[in-house]
Protein backbone atom coordinates (compact mmCIF):
# COMPACT_ATOMS: atom_id res chain seq x y z
CA MET A 1 48.50 -45.68 -5.45
CA SER A 2 47.91 -49.15 -4.01
CA PHE A 3 46.99 -52.17 -6.12
CA GLU A 4 43.47 -52.17 -4.70
CA GLU A 5 43.01 -48.47 -5.50
CA GLN A 6 44.13 -49.07 -9.08
CA VAL A 7 41.61 -51.92 -9.37
CA LEU A 8 38.85 -49.66 -8.02
CA ASP A 9 39.72 -46.96 -10.56
CA LEU A 10 39.22 -49.50 -13.36
CA LEU A 11 35.88 -50.78 -12.04
CA PRO A 12 33.59 -48.58 -14.22
CA ARG A 13 35.39 -49.67 -17.40
CA MET A 14 35.35 -53.30 -16.31
CA ARG A 15 31.60 -53.13 -15.63
CA ARG A 16 30.95 -51.62 -19.05
CA PHE A 17 33.03 -54.29 -20.79
CA ALA A 18 31.36 -57.06 -18.77
CA ALA A 19 27.89 -55.77 -19.61
CA GLY A 20 28.87 -55.64 -23.27
CA LEU A 21 30.17 -59.21 -23.22
CA THR A 22 27.19 -60.66 -21.42
CA GLY A 23 24.49 -58.50 -22.97
CA HIS A 24 22.83 -57.86 -19.64
CA PRO A 25 23.85 -55.49 -16.82
CA ALA A 26 23.10 -57.98 -14.03
CA ASP A 27 25.09 -60.75 -15.71
CA GLY A 28 27.81 -58.20 -16.38
CA ASP A 29 27.94 -57.31 -12.69
CA ASP A 30 28.27 -61.02 -11.83
CA LEU A 31 31.11 -61.38 -14.34
CA CYS A 32 32.75 -58.24 -13.00
CA GLN A 33 32.54 -59.57 -9.43
CA MET A 34 34.11 -62.88 -10.47
CA THR A 35 36.86 -60.95 -12.24
CA ILE A 36 37.62 -58.74 -9.25
CA GLU A 37 37.74 -61.79 -6.99
CA ARG A 38 40.17 -63.49 -9.36
CA VAL A 39 42.27 -60.32 -9.69
CA LEU A 40 42.57 -59.92 -5.92
CA THR A 41 43.43 -63.56 -5.31
CA SER A 42 45.94 -63.55 -8.19
CA GLN A 43 47.53 -60.22 -7.37
CA ASP A 44 50.94 -61.89 -7.03
CA LYS A 45 50.76 -62.97 -10.70
CA TRP A 46 50.47 -59.41 -12.00
CA GLN A 47 53.81 -57.94 -13.01
CA GLU A 48 54.45 -54.44 -11.74
CA GLY A 49 55.11 -52.09 -14.65
CA THR A 50 52.71 -53.86 -17.01
CA ARG A 51 49.22 -52.62 -17.82
CA LEU A 52 46.82 -53.60 -15.08
CA ASP A 53 43.78 -52.89 -17.25
CA SER A 54 44.89 -55.26 -20.01
CA TRP A 55 45.62 -57.97 -17.46
CA MET A 56 42.17 -57.54 -15.91
CA TYR A 57 40.44 -57.57 -19.32
CA ARG A 58 42.18 -60.85 -20.18
CA ILE A 59 41.03 -62.37 -16.88
CA MET A 60 37.46 -61.21 -17.53
CA ARG A 61 37.48 -62.52 -21.08
CA ASN A 62 38.76 -65.92 -19.96
CA LEU A 63 36.15 -66.12 -17.20
CA TRP A 64 33.44 -65.26 -19.71
CA ILE A 65 34.61 -67.97 -22.08
CA ASP A 66 34.60 -70.48 -19.21
CA GLU A 67 31.16 -69.35 -18.09
CA THR A 68 29.59 -69.60 -21.54
CA ARG A 69 31.04 -73.06 -22.03
CA SER A 70 29.67 -74.29 -18.72
CA ARG A 71 26.06 -73.12 -19.15
CA SER A 72 23.60 -72.80 -21.95
CA ARG A 73 22.97 -69.30 -23.20
CA ARG A 74 19.82 -67.54 -22.17
CA SER A 75 17.34 -67.27 -24.99
CA GLN A 76 16.49 -63.64 -24.26
CA THR A 77 18.66 -61.17 -22.33
CA PHE A 78 16.96 -57.93 -23.33
CA VAL A 79 14.08 -56.05 -21.88
CA ALA A 80 11.21 -55.69 -24.31
CA GLU A 81 11.53 -52.58 -26.49
CA ASP A 82 8.36 -51.02 -25.13
CA ALA A 83 9.44 -51.42 -21.47
CA GLY A 84 11.16 -48.02 -21.41
CA LEU A 85 8.85 -46.08 -23.69
CA GLY A 86 6.82 -44.53 -20.86
CA ILE A 87 9.86 -43.01 -19.15
CA GLY A 88 11.00 -39.47 -19.86
CA GLY A 89 10.08 -37.27 -22.79
CA GLU A 90 9.96 -38.01 -26.48
CA GLY A 91 13.74 -37.75 -26.87
CA ALA A 92 14.24 -40.23 -24.03
CA GLN A 93 11.88 -42.67 -25.74
CA GLU A 94 13.79 -42.47 -29.01
CA ALA A 95 17.13 -42.85 -27.22
CA THR A 96 15.83 -45.89 -25.33
CA VAL A 97 14.65 -47.55 -28.53
CA GLU A 98 17.92 -46.74 -30.33
CA LEU A 99 20.03 -48.06 -27.45
CA SER A 100 17.90 -51.20 -27.41
CA ASN A 101 18.54 -51.61 -31.15
CA VAL A 102 22.30 -51.27 -30.62
CA ASP A 103 22.27 -53.76 -27.74
CA ARG A 104 20.26 -56.25 -29.76
CA ALA A 105 22.54 -55.86 -32.79
CA MET A 106 25.68 -56.26 -30.63
CA GLN A 107 24.37 -59.54 -29.23
CA LYS A 108 23.78 -60.88 -32.75
CA LEU A 109 27.46 -60.45 -33.62
CA PRO A 110 29.70 -63.49 -33.28
CA GLU A 111 31.55 -63.37 -29.97
CA ASP A 112 34.96 -62.65 -31.52
CA GLN A 113 33.57 -59.69 -33.48
CA ARG A 114 31.63 -58.40 -30.45
CA GLU A 115 34.82 -58.47 -28.35
CA ALA A 116 36.74 -56.54 -31.01
CA VAL A 117 34.00 -53.90 -31.33
CA LEU A 118 33.72 -53.54 -27.54
CA LEU A 119 37.45 -53.23 -26.94
CA VAL A 120 38.26 -50.84 -29.80
CA MET A 121 35.08 -48.83 -30.40
CA VAL A 122 33.63 -48.74 -26.88
CA GLU A 123 36.66 -49.04 -24.59
CA GLY A 124 39.01 -47.13 -26.89
CA TYR A 125 41.89 -49.61 -26.97
CA ALA A 126 44.43 -49.44 -29.76
CA TYR A 127 44.33 -52.41 -32.13
CA LYS A 128 47.58 -53.80 -30.75
CA GLU A 129 46.36 -53.62 -27.14
CA ALA A 130 43.02 -55.17 -28.00
CA ALA A 131 44.77 -57.97 -29.89
CA GLU A 132 46.91 -58.69 -26.84
CA ILE A 133 43.82 -58.84 -24.63
CA VAL A 134 42.04 -61.39 -26.83
CA GLY A 135 45.26 -63.21 -27.71
CA CYS A 136 45.32 -62.91 -31.49
CA PRO A 137 47.46 -61.15 -34.13
CA VAL A 138 46.65 -57.50 -34.86
CA GLY A 139 45.57 -58.36 -38.41
CA THR A 140 43.05 -60.88 -37.09
CA LEU A 141 41.66 -58.35 -34.64
CA ASN A 142 41.40 -55.76 -37.42
CA SER A 143 39.52 -58.24 -39.59
CA ARG A 144 37.12 -59.08 -36.75
CA LEU A 145 36.57 -55.39 -36.06
CA VAL A 146 35.84 -54.55 -39.69
CA ARG A 147 33.43 -57.47 -40.10
CA GLY A 148 31.76 -56.68 -36.76
CA ARG A 149 31.44 -52.98 -37.49
CA ASP A 150 30.03 -53.63 -40.96
CA ALA A 151 27.54 -56.19 -39.66
CA LEU A 152 26.51 -53.84 -36.85
CA MET A 153 25.95 -50.97 -39.27
CA ALA A 154 23.88 -53.19 -41.57
CA MET A 155 21.73 -54.42 -38.69
CA LEU A 156 21.15 -50.89 -37.42
CA GLU A 157 20.21 -49.66 -40.91
CA ASP A 158 17.69 -52.51 -41.17
CA ALA A 159 16.25 -51.56 -37.76
CA ALA A 160 15.75 -47.92 -38.79
């Protein structure tokens, strides 16, 4: 499989991670596009035999850090809760509200905790792999994950 085909296979996961980092699908797509551009122009820096996904996640994370440092954060990145209530049946309405609650709670987490939750709980990375992606010891990542998960659970219980 060619390098480009491997990158394409990872695109859905990269988009999900980008949307989780940015808190908004459109911003996530922009971040994903910047990442893919960087990956393709830096292809010679990737070492064959190493994990392409981890390398791409690190590039995305670094781009996100650069982006957030260079611009002020948007005050509101979520659609109003009632925007999706008229779509679908009753179950769809409840799912939309619950997903909105999760998104809102995720964005309230400190960035380091949000990254840990996204990488381990959403993307399914092992603690060691996630720690390598964010560039911290495994114990630090574990601590961030526990604090993030606990804070997320508390916020979701308050929203219920």
